[in-house]
Amino acid sequence: MPLALQIKQVLTKPINKRKLTLEEQYTFLHRLHRLIQNGYSLLESLEMISWDTKMAEHAWIIYHDLKTGAPIDKCFEKVHFSDKIVAYFIFARINGDLEKTLERCCLMLQQQMDHMKKFQQTSRYPFILFCFFVLLITFVKTMVYPAFIQLFESSLQSSAVTELSLFLINLLLGGLIGLGSISFFALFVWRFLKSRLHPSVQINIYRKIPIFKKYKSIQLTFMFCTHFGSLLKTGMPIKDALQFLKEQHRLPILSYYASQMTYELERGFHLSSLLSSFALFEKELTTIFQRNANVQLLEKDLTMYSELLTERLQASTKKVIGLIQPLFFILLAGIIIFVYLSIMLPMYNLIQTV
């Protein structure tokens, strides 16, 4: 089929608004990176990717928009790649290193998929066990404890342990339902409001959640080092690089921080005095700016530091995921022992009185 006809057929269809999965984005970018690495041009690579019917629509849309002069970040935004991927392409327009940009995108997506897979593997068994546990607790609450209370009432005795257990189980079940409902509602509200909140409000929210604050600070510092370093590598002055970070809107918190840094530079202050006040920047970043007045050395240090942050983020994520099973099993064992004692102790006391 002629190339022009293929493009026309794709463009006349309504664009699929479904967001691509991580696996689909990774596969597309990995193939694009491999083709460009082997000497193919961007347009030739997209044409070859279109041979896969699953990716043909996205490849032809990007191909057509690039041919008409659209920026590469707008092309990938149009086919619903993630904001972080689109942000990488925004900076690729300036530094011109498309191959390195694709390599970094693939690495980021690969790490996300690995973490997601590890989390699913780690949480699958505890989740199944948790479902059985809830059914068991419900059975004990509705069938076993009422029978015990009726037995003690007929024998003119009462068991404080059983009554306390029934109260705690009611509290536990109610708490689980309430916590699940609140978490689901909070997640829904956050996904809806996040893009509408001012970056300063988002920062204050992140600061109040210690574990998530640490993760976000490492992630944001990594993004700043990667993108700011790539701009400096092109020979762009620090002030112009910050201005570019400020004007992009795919990473709103980074844009907000860049606007503050630009303002301080215009007032004649050094960046290191401001960086330490940013809650979502790692403290080592201040040290890097303090020890480097030379732009080339600063770019080198930022690149190396971004690699260290990648390793730190991976280690922290693996550590948190690794704690899921032990903590869950300890909590579950404690509750099971409590329920067992709440049944056996009253029976033992009742046998002694017979």
Protein backbone atom coordinates (compact mmCIF):
# COMPACT_ATOMS: atom_id res chain seq x y z
CA MET A 1 0.00 0.00 0.00
CA PRO A 2 1.43 3.46 -0.86
CA LEU A 3 2.82 5.40 2.09
CA ALA A 4 0.58 8.42 1.58
CA LEU A 5 -2.52 6.21 1.53
CA GLN A 6 -1.51 4.44 4.73
CA ILE A 7 -1.06 7.76 6.51
CA LYS A 8 -4.39 9.06 5.17
CA GLN A 9 -6.23 5.97 6.42
CA VAL A 10 -4.77 6.37 9.91
CA LEU A 11 -5.41 10.10 10.11
CA THR A 12 -9.05 9.78 9.05
CA LYS A 13 -9.74 7.48 12.00
CA PRO A 14 -10.62 9.03 15.37
CA ILE A 15 -7.56 9.04 17.63
CA ASN A 16 -7.64 6.39 20.33
CA LYS A 17 -7.66 8.28 23.63
CA ARG A 18 -6.65 5.25 25.71
CA LYS A 19 -3.41 5.89 27.54
CA LEU A 20 -0.69 3.46 26.54
CA THR A 21 0.46 0.98 29.16
CA LEU A 22 4.04 1.05 30.44
CA GLU A 23 4.81 -2.10 28.45
CA GLU A 24 3.46 -0.60 25.23
CA GLN A 25 5.39 2.65 25.72
CA TYR A 26 8.57 0.73 26.52
CA THR A 27 8.23 -1.54 23.47
CA PHE A 28 7.66 1.43 21.15
CA LEU A 29 10.57 3.47 22.50
CA HIS A 30 12.91 0.49 22.73
CA ARG A 31 12.36 -0.35 19.07
CA LEU A 32 12.76 3.30 18.10
CA HIS A 33 16.02 3.54 20.06
CA ARG A 34 17.40 0.32 18.55
CA LEU A 35 16.63 1.45 14.99
CA ILE A 36 18.15 4.92 15.45
CA GLN A 37 21.16 3.33 17.12
CA ASN A 38 21.67 1.24 13.97
CA GLY A 39 21.78 4.28 11.72
CA TYR A 40 18.15 4.72 10.63
CA SER A 41 16.63 8.19 10.61
CA LEU A 42 13.73 9.02 12.90
CA LEU A 43 11.18 8.91 10.07
CA GLU A 44 12.58 5.66 8.68
CA SER A 45 12.44 4.14 12.15
CA LEU A 46 8.81 5.16 12.63
CA GLU A 47 7.92 3.68 9.23
CA MET A 48 9.52 0.37 10.22
CA ILE A 49 7.74 0.36 13.60
CA SER A 50 4.45 0.79 11.75
CA TRP A 51 4.93 -2.72 10.32
CA ASP A 52 3.66 -3.95 13.68
CA THR A 53 -0.11 -3.58 13.41
CA LYS A 54 -0.41 -2.93 17.17
CA MET A 55 1.77 0.18 16.85
CA ALA A 56 0.97 1.28 13.34
CA GLU A 57 -1.57 3.94 14.33
CA HIS A 58 0.74 5.64 16.84
CA ALA A 59 3.75 5.43 14.50
CA TRP A 60 1.92 6.97 11.55
CA ILE A 61 0.44 9.79 13.62
CA ILE A 62 3.90 10.71 14.94
CA TYR A 63 5.34 10.32 11.43
CA HIS A 64 2.75 12.64 9.88
CA ASP A 65 3.02 15.30 12.59
CA LEU A 66 6.82 15.32 12.38
CA LYS A 67 6.60 15.71 8.59
CA THR A 68 4.34 18.74 9.03
CA GLY A 69 6.85 20.36 11.40
CA ALA A 70 5.33 19.60 14.80
CA PRO A 71 7.76 19.40 17.78
CA ILE A 72 8.61 15.85 18.77
CA ASP A 73 7.23 16.27 22.30
CA LYS A 74 3.85 17.36 20.91
CA CYS A 75 3.80 14.30 18.66
CA PHE A 76 4.32 11.89 21.54
CA GLU A 77 1.87 13.82 23.69
CA LYS A 78 -0.78 13.43 21.00
CA VAL A 79 -0.57 9.61 21.18
CA HIS A 80 -0.79 9.68 24.98
CA PHE A 81 2.71 8.89 26.16
CA SER A 82 3.28 9.64 29.86
CA ASP A 83 4.12 13.15 31.02
CA LYS A 84 7.64 12.13 32.08
CA ILE A 85 8.36 10.73 28.62
CA VAL A 86 6.99 13.86 26.96
CA ALA A 87 9.17 15.97 29.28
CA TYR A 88 12.27 14.09 28.11
CA PHE A 89 11.41 14.92 24.50
CA ILE A 90 10.94 18.60 25.38
CA PHE A 91 14.58 18.71 26.47
CA ALA A 92 15.66 16.55 23.53
CA ARG A 93 14.57 19.40 21.23
CA ILE A 94 17.23 21.57 22.86
CA ASN A 95 20.12 19.18 23.46
CA GLY A 96 19.59 17.36 20.14
CA ASP A 97 20.63 14.00 21.61
CA LEU A 98 17.60 11.89 20.65
CA GLU A 99 19.43 8.58 21.02
CA LYS A 100 20.48 9.33 24.61
CA THR A 101 16.98 10.59 25.40
CA LEU A 102 15.42 7.36 24.15
CA GLU A 103 17.94 5.34 26.15
CA ARG A 104 17.01 7.21 29.35
CA CYS A 105 13.29 6.84 28.66
CA CYS A 106 13.68 3.10 28.14
CA LEU A 107 15.71 2.77 31.34
CA MET A 108 13.12 4.69 33.34
CA LEU A 109 10.22 2.62 31.99
CA GLN A 110 12.15 -0.63 32.52
CA GLN A 111 12.75 0.27 36.17
CA GLN A 112 9.07 1.14 36.66
CA MET A 113 7.99 -2.17 35.14
CA ASP A 114 10.49 -4.10 37.28
CA HIS A 115 9.25 -2.39 40.45
CA MET A 116 5.61 -2.99 39.51
CA LYS A 117 6.29 -6.66 38.77
CA LYS A 118 8.17 -7.10 42.04
CA PHE A 119 5.35 -5.42 43.96
CA GLN A 120 2.74 -7.64 42.34
CA GLN A 121 4.74 -10.77 43.09
CA THR A 122 5.33 -9.70 46.68
CA SER A 123 1.76 -8.64 47.42
CA ARG A 124 -0.12 -11.42 45.59
CA TYR A 125 0.08 -14.04 48.35
CA PRO A 126 -0.58 -11.59 51.23
CA PHE A 127 -3.62 -10.26 49.36
CA ILE A 128 -5.10 -13.75 48.89
CA LEU A 129 -4.35 -14.56 52.52
CA PHE A 130 -5.93 -11.29 53.60
CA CYS A 131 -9.17 -12.14 51.74
CA PHE A 132 -9.39 -15.52 53.49
CA PHE A 133 -8.60 -13.83 56.79
CA VAL A 134 -11.45 -11.34 56.38
CA LEU A 135 -13.84 -14.22 55.61
CA LEU A 136 -12.59 -16.08 58.70
CA ILE A 137 -13.00 -13.06 60.95
CA THR A 138 -16.50 -12.46 59.57
CA PHE A 139 -17.43 -16.09 60.28
CA VAL A 140 -16.07 -15.89 63.84
CA LYS A 141 -17.93 -12.63 64.43
CA THR A 142 -21.31 -13.76 63.07
CA MET A 143 -21.33 -17.45 64.07
CA VAL A 144 -18.82 -18.32 66.80
CA TYR A 145 -18.91 -15.35 69.17
CA PRO A 146 -22.75 -15.10 69.33
CA ALA A 147 -22.88 -18.82 70.25
CA PHE A 148 -20.33 -18.25 73.01
CA ILE A 149 -22.21 -15.26 74.39
CA GLN A 150 -25.46 -17.26 74.40
CA LEU A 151 -23.70 -20.14 76.16
CA PHE A 152 -22.34 -17.90 78.91
CA GLU A 153 -25.70 -16.21 79.35
CA SER A 154 -27.43 -19.62 79.82
CA SER A 155 -24.80 -20.66 82.37
CA LEU A 156 -25.19 -17.32 84.21
CA GLN A 157 -21.53 -16.44 83.49
CA SER A 158 -19.91 -13.89 81.28
CA SER A 159 -16.60 -13.76 79.51
CA ALA A 160 -14.92 -10.40 79.43
CA VAL A 161 -12.34 -11.76 76.97
CA THR A 162 -15.01 -12.81 74.47
CA GLU A 163 -16.91 -9.55 74.76
CA LEU A 164 -13.67 -7.60 74.35
CA SER A 165 -12.72 -9.73 71.33
CA LEU A 166 -16.11 -9.12 69.72
CA PHE A 167 -15.71 -5.38 70.26
CA LEU A 168 -12.19 -5.39 68.77
CA ILE A 169 -13.23 -7.48 65.76
CA ASN A 170 -16.12 -5.09 65.08
CA LEU A 171 -13.64 -2.26 65.37
CA LEU A 172 -11.17 -4.05 63.06
CA LEU A 173 -13.73 -4.81 60.34
CA GLY A 174 -15.18 -1.32 60.54
CA GLY A 175 -11.70 0.15 60.42
CA LEU A 176 -10.75 -1.90 57.35
CA ILE A 177 -13.90 -0.85 55.50
CA GLY A 178 -13.46 2.78 56.53
CA LEU A 179 -9.74 2.83 55.68
CA GLY A 180 -10.38 1.23 52.29
CA SER A 181 -13.16 3.69 51.49
CA ILE A 182 -11.11 6.70 52.57
CA SER A 183 -8.04 5.51 50.63
CA PHE A 184 -10.06 4.92 47.46
CA PHE A 185 -11.78 8.29 47.75
CA ALA A 186 -8.50 10.12 48.50
CA LEU A 187 -6.79 8.47 45.51
CA PHE A 188 -9.69 9.39 43.23
CA VAL A 189 -9.73 13.01 44.47
CA TRP A 190 -5.93 13.29 44.17
CA ARG A 191 -5.90 12.02 40.58
CA PHE A 192 -8.65 14.51 39.73
CA LEU A 193 -7.21 17.53 41.57
CA LYS A 194 -3.46 17.00 41.18
CA SER A 195 -3.15 18.81 37.86
CA ARG A 196 -5.36 21.64 39.15
CA LEU A 197 -3.41 22.30 42.34
CA HIS A 198 -0.68 24.93 42.43
CA PRO A 199 2.79 23.36 42.76
CA SER A 200 3.30 24.97 46.17
CA VAL A 201 0.17 23.19 47.43
CA GLN A 202 1.40 19.88 45.99
CA ILE A 203 4.74 20.37 47.75
CA ASN A 204 3.03 20.96 51.11
CA ILE A 205 0.99 17.78 50.67
CA TYR A 206 4.07 15.72 49.81
CA ARG A 207 5.92 17.13 52.83
CA LYS A 208 3.25 15.80 55.20
CA ILE A 209 3.69 12.19 54.01
CA PRO A 210 7.23 11.22 55.14
CA ILE A 211 7.71 8.03 53.09
CA PHE A 212 6.27 9.53 49.93
CA LYS A 213 8.21 12.77 50.52
CA LYS A 214 11.50 10.86 50.45
CA TYR A 215 10.56 9.05 47.25
CA LYS A 216 9.36 12.27 45.61
CA SER A 217 12.47 14.23 46.62
CA ILE A 218 14.80 11.61 45.10
CA GLN A 219 12.68 11.46 41.93
CA LEU A 220 12.44 15.24 41.53
CA THR A 221 16.15 15.77 42.23
CA PHE A 222 16.95 13.12 39.63
CA MET A 223 14.74 14.84 37.05
CA PHE A 224 16.34 18.21 37.79
CA CYS A 225 19.90 16.85 37.53
CA THR A 226 19.13 14.98 34.31
CA HIS A 227 17.33 17.77 32.46
CA PHE A 228 19.34 20.71 33.81
CA GLY A 229 22.57 18.84 33.11
CA SER A 230 21.48 18.04 29.54
CA LEU A 231 20.77 21.74 28.92
CA LEU A 232 24.14 22.81 30.33
CA LYS A 233 25.83 20.22 28.11
CA THR A 234 24.63 22.13 25.03
CA GLY A 235 26.53 25.21 26.23
CA MET A 236 23.40 27.00 27.44
CA PRO A 237 24.04 29.47 30.29
CA ILE A 238 22.64 28.60 33.72
CA LYS A 239 20.07 31.41 33.61
CA ASP A 240 18.77 30.35 30.17
CA ALA A 241 18.61 26.71 31.27
CA LEU A 242 16.54 27.68 34.31
CA GLN A 243 14.29 29.82 32.12
CA PHE A 244 13.65 26.82 29.87
CA LEU A 245 12.85 24.64 32.90
CA LYS A 246 10.48 27.33 34.08
CA GLU A 247 8.60 27.53 30.78
CA GLN A 248 7.95 23.78 30.42
CA HIS A 249 4.77 22.60 32.14
CA ARG A 250 5.06 18.81 32.05
CA LEU A 251 6.93 18.84 35.37
CA PRO A 252 5.04 21.56 37.29
CA ILE A 253 7.00 21.37 40.57
CA LEU A 254 10.27 21.55 38.67
CA SER A 255 8.92 24.55 36.75
CA TYR A 256 7.91 26.19 40.04
CA TYR A 257 11.35 25.67 41.57
CA ALA A 258 13.02 26.96 38.39
CA SER A 259 10.96 30.16 38.54
CA GLN A 260 12.11 30.76 42.11
CA MET A 261 15.74 30.11 41.18
CA THR A 262 15.48 32.47 38.21
CA TYR A 263 14.06 35.18 40.46
CA GLU A 264 16.88 34.77 42.99
CA LEU A 265 19.52 34.91 40.26
CA GLU A 266 18.05 38.16 38.97
CA ARG A 267 18.35 39.56 42.49
CA GLY A 268 22.03 38.61 42.56
CA PHE A 269 21.87 35.65 44.95
CA HIS A 270 23.73 32.36 44.49
CA LEU A 271 21.63 29.28 43.80
CA SER A 272 23.16 27.26 46.64
CA SER A 273 21.58 29.60 49.21
CA LEU A 274 18.12 28.85 47.79
CA LEU A 275 18.41 25.13 47.03
CA SER A 276 18.71 24.20 50.70
CA SER A 277 15.24 25.67 51.33
CA PHE A 278 13.54 23.46 48.73
CA ALA A 279 11.78 20.64 50.58
CA LEU A 280 11.77 18.25 47.62
CA PHE A 281 15.43 18.57 46.68
CA GLU A 282 18.09 16.31 48.19
CA LYS A 283 20.64 18.12 50.38
CA GLU A 284 23.61 16.94 48.30
CA LEU A 285 22.39 19.12 45.43
CA THR A 286 23.26 22.24 47.44
CA THR A 287 26.80 20.93 47.94
CA ILE A 288 27.22 20.32 44.19
CA PHE A 289 26.30 23.92 43.39
CA GLN A 290 28.51 25.28 46.17
CA ARG A 291 31.63 23.50 44.96
CA ASN A 292 31.21 24.20 41.24
CA ALA A 293 31.50 27.63 39.69
CA ASN A 294 32.47 26.15 36.33
CA VAL A 295 29.51 25.14 34.14
CA GLN A 296 31.30 22.13 32.62
CA LEU A 297 32.22 20.71 36.03
CA LEU A 298 28.68 21.38 37.26
CA GLU A 299 27.21 19.48 34.32
CA LYS A 300 29.58 16.55 34.97
CA ASP A 301 28.71 16.41 38.68
CA LEU A 302 24.97 16.63 37.98
CA THR A 303 25.21 13.74 35.50
CA MET A 304 27.10 11.54 37.97
CA TYR A 305 24.76 12.49 40.81
CA SER A 306 21.70 11.58 38.71
CA GLU A 307 23.17 8.09 38.24
CA LEU A 308 23.69 7.77 42.00
CA LEU A 309 20.09 8.86 42.59
CA THR A 310 18.87 6.18 40.19
CA GLU A 311 20.66 3.53 42.26
CA ARG A 312 19.35 5.04 45.51
CA LEU A 313 15.78 5.11 44.22
CA GLN A 314 16.00 1.48 43.15
CA ALA A 315 17.41 0.42 46.52
CA SER A 316 14.74 2.34 48.46
CA THR A 317 11.91 0.92 46.37
CA LYS A 318 13.19 -2.65 46.78
CA LYS A 319 13.54 -2.12 50.53
CA VAL A 320 9.94 -0.89 50.91
CA ILE A 321 8.57 -3.73 48.76
CA GLY A 322 10.63 -6.24 50.74
CA LEU A 323 8.99 -5.12 54.00
CA ILE A 324 5.43 -5.78 52.80
CA GLN A 325 5.32 -9.52 53.44
CA PRO A 326 7.08 -9.62 56.86
CA LEU A 327 5.01 -6.79 58.32
CA PHE A 328 1.77 -8.24 57.00
CA PHE A 329 2.50 -11.73 58.31
CA ILE A 330 3.46 -10.40 61.76
CA LEU A 331 0.22 -8.41 61.98
CA LEU A 332 -1.85 -11.34 60.74
CA ALA A 333 -0.22 -13.78 63.19
CA GLY A 334 -0.90 -11.43 66.10
CA ILE A 335 -4.59 -11.13 65.25
CA ILE A 336 -4.99 -14.89 64.76
CA ILE A 337 -3.37 -15.61 68.14
CA PHE A 338 -5.67 -13.06 69.79
CA VAL A 339 -8.78 -14.63 68.22
CA TYR A 340 -7.62 -18.11 69.22
CA LEU A 341 -7.08 -17.06 72.85
CA SER A 342 -10.43 -15.26 72.95
CA ILE A 343 -12.10 -18.59 72.09
CA MET A 344 -9.99 -20.99 74.14
CA LEU A 345 -9.64 -19.06 77.42
CA PRO A 346 -13.42 -18.73 78.06
CA MET A 347 -13.83 -22.44 77.23
CA TYR A 348 -11.07 -23.33 79.69
CA ASN A 349 -12.69 -21.21 82.41
CA LEU A 350 -16.07 -22.76 81.71
CA ILE A 351 -14.68 -26.33 81.97
CA GLN A 352 -13.12 -25.51 85.35
CA THR A 353 -16.51 -24.42 86.76
CA VAL A 354 -18.27 -27.63 85.67
